[in-house]
Protein backbone atom coordinates (compact mmCIF):
# COMPACT_ATOMS: atom_id res chain seq x y z
CA PHE A 1 -10.36 49.67 -28.02
CA LYS A 2 -13.98 51.18 -26.85
CA PRO A 3 -14.32 54.75 -26.08
CA PRO A 4 -15.67 55.63 -22.88
CA ARG A 5 -19.35 56.20 -22.65
CA PRO A 6 -20.51 59.60 -21.99
CA VAL A 7 -21.44 60.26 -18.46
CA ALA A 8 -25.55 60.35 -18.14
CA GLY A 9 -26.73 63.60 -17.21
CA PRO A 10 -29.33 64.53 -14.30
CA VAL A 11 -32.44 62.56 -14.05
CA PRO A 12 -35.92 64.72 -13.93
CA ASP A 13 -38.43 63.76 -11.31
CA HIS A 14 -41.16 63.38 -14.44
CA VAL A 15 -39.33 61.24 -16.91
CA VAL A 16 -40.21 57.76 -17.40
CA PRO A 17 -37.57 55.05 -17.34
CA VAL A 18 -37.76 52.42 -19.98
CA LEU A 19 -35.75 48.83 -19.78
CA LEU A 20 -33.93 48.05 -23.19
CA ARG A 21 -33.19 44.64 -21.92
CA PRO A 22 -35.24 42.05 -20.13
CA THR A 23 -35.21 42.20 -16.08
CA GLU A 24 -33.92 38.71 -15.82
CA GLN A 25 -30.76 39.74 -17.82
CA ILE A 26 -30.09 43.02 -15.82
CA GLN A 27 -30.38 41.19 -12.77
CA MET A 28 -28.05 38.57 -13.11
CA PHE A 29 -25.29 41.21 -12.84
CA ASP A 30 -23.87 42.26 -9.45
CA TRP A 31 -25.38 45.59 -8.97
CA ASP A 32 -25.83 47.78 -5.91
CA LEU A 33 -28.85 46.70 -3.60
CA THR A 34 -30.72 50.01 -4.21
CA ILE A 35 -30.64 49.36 -8.03
CA ASN A 36 -31.72 45.66 -7.40
CA TRP A 37 -34.83 46.95 -5.65
CA VAL A 38 -35.22 49.83 -8.41
CA VAL A 39 -35.33 47.58 -11.58
CA PRO A 40 -38.52 45.71 -10.77
CA HIS A 41 -40.32 48.77 -10.49
CA ILE A 42 -39.47 50.06 -14.00
CA ASN A 43 -42.35 49.26 -15.76
CA GLY A 44 -42.95 52.05 -18.51
CA ILE A 45 -45.78 53.78 -16.69
CA SER A 46 -44.07 55.21 -13.44
CA HIS A 47 -41.87 58.05 -13.48
CA ALA A 48 -39.15 58.51 -11.23
CA ARG A 49 -40.89 60.43 -8.70
CA ASN A 50 -43.77 57.80 -8.44
CA ILE A 51 -40.86 54.88 -8.24
CA SER A 52 -39.33 56.65 -5.12
CA GLN A 53 -42.60 56.95 -3.68
CA SER A 54 -43.44 53.26 -3.76
CA LEU A 55 -40.43 52.17 -2.66
CA GLU A 56 -39.95 54.58 0.16
CA VAL A 57 -36.48 55.50 -1.01
CA ASP A 58 -34.90 58.70 -1.23
CA MET A 59 -35.49 60.54 -4.50
CA GLU A 60 -31.73 61.23 -4.99
CA MET A 61 -30.90 57.36 -4.82
CA VAL A 62 -33.43 56.56 -6.90
CA ARG A 63 -31.82 59.06 -9.46
CA ALA A 64 -28.44 57.70 -8.91
CA CYS A 65 -29.65 54.23 -9.87
CA LEU A 66 -31.34 55.18 -13.06
CA ARG A 67 -28.29 57.43 -13.88
CA VAL A 68 -25.98 54.29 -13.46
CA LEU A 69 -28.26 52.21 -15.60
CA LYS A 70 -28.66 54.91 -18.39
CA HIS A 71 -24.69 55.05 -18.20
CA HIS A 72 -24.58 51.09 -18.80
CA GLY A 73 -27.24 51.32 -21.85
CA VAL A 74 -30.01 49.20 -20.02
CA LEU A 75 -32.14 51.96 -19.71
CA ALA A 76 -33.80 54.90 -21.60
CA PHE A 77 -36.00 57.68 -20.44
CA VAL A 78 -39.27 58.95 -22.12
CA ASP A 79 -41.06 62.11 -21.21
CA ILE A 80 -44.31 61.80 -19.49
CA PHE A 81 -47.13 62.72 -21.83
CA GLN A 82 -50.28 61.34 -20.24
CA TYR A 83 -50.20 58.75 -17.03
CA SER A 84 -52.20 56.31 -19.43
CA ASN A 85 -49.16 55.80 -21.86
CA ARG A 86 -47.41 52.80 -21.41
CA TYR A 87 -43.82 52.37 -23.24
CA GLU A 88 -42.10 49.00 -23.77
């Protein structure tokens, strides 16, 4: 028996999402259509607002997708320090 995972907290606009698993492994699962659009844009450089603007998707939808991925343990958030930083 596994205890339930805690609910992921709110996602600020300025966090940089970093995948904890390879993109191919994440796309094997049946996710929501928006999550399938967002995952290829998670590159360790772009912050959440940047991803929303590049996809032309509402920021609330991107936040919801990132929150779901965080809840399932395939994503971590890193604070944005400089645009030149790259996290992998």
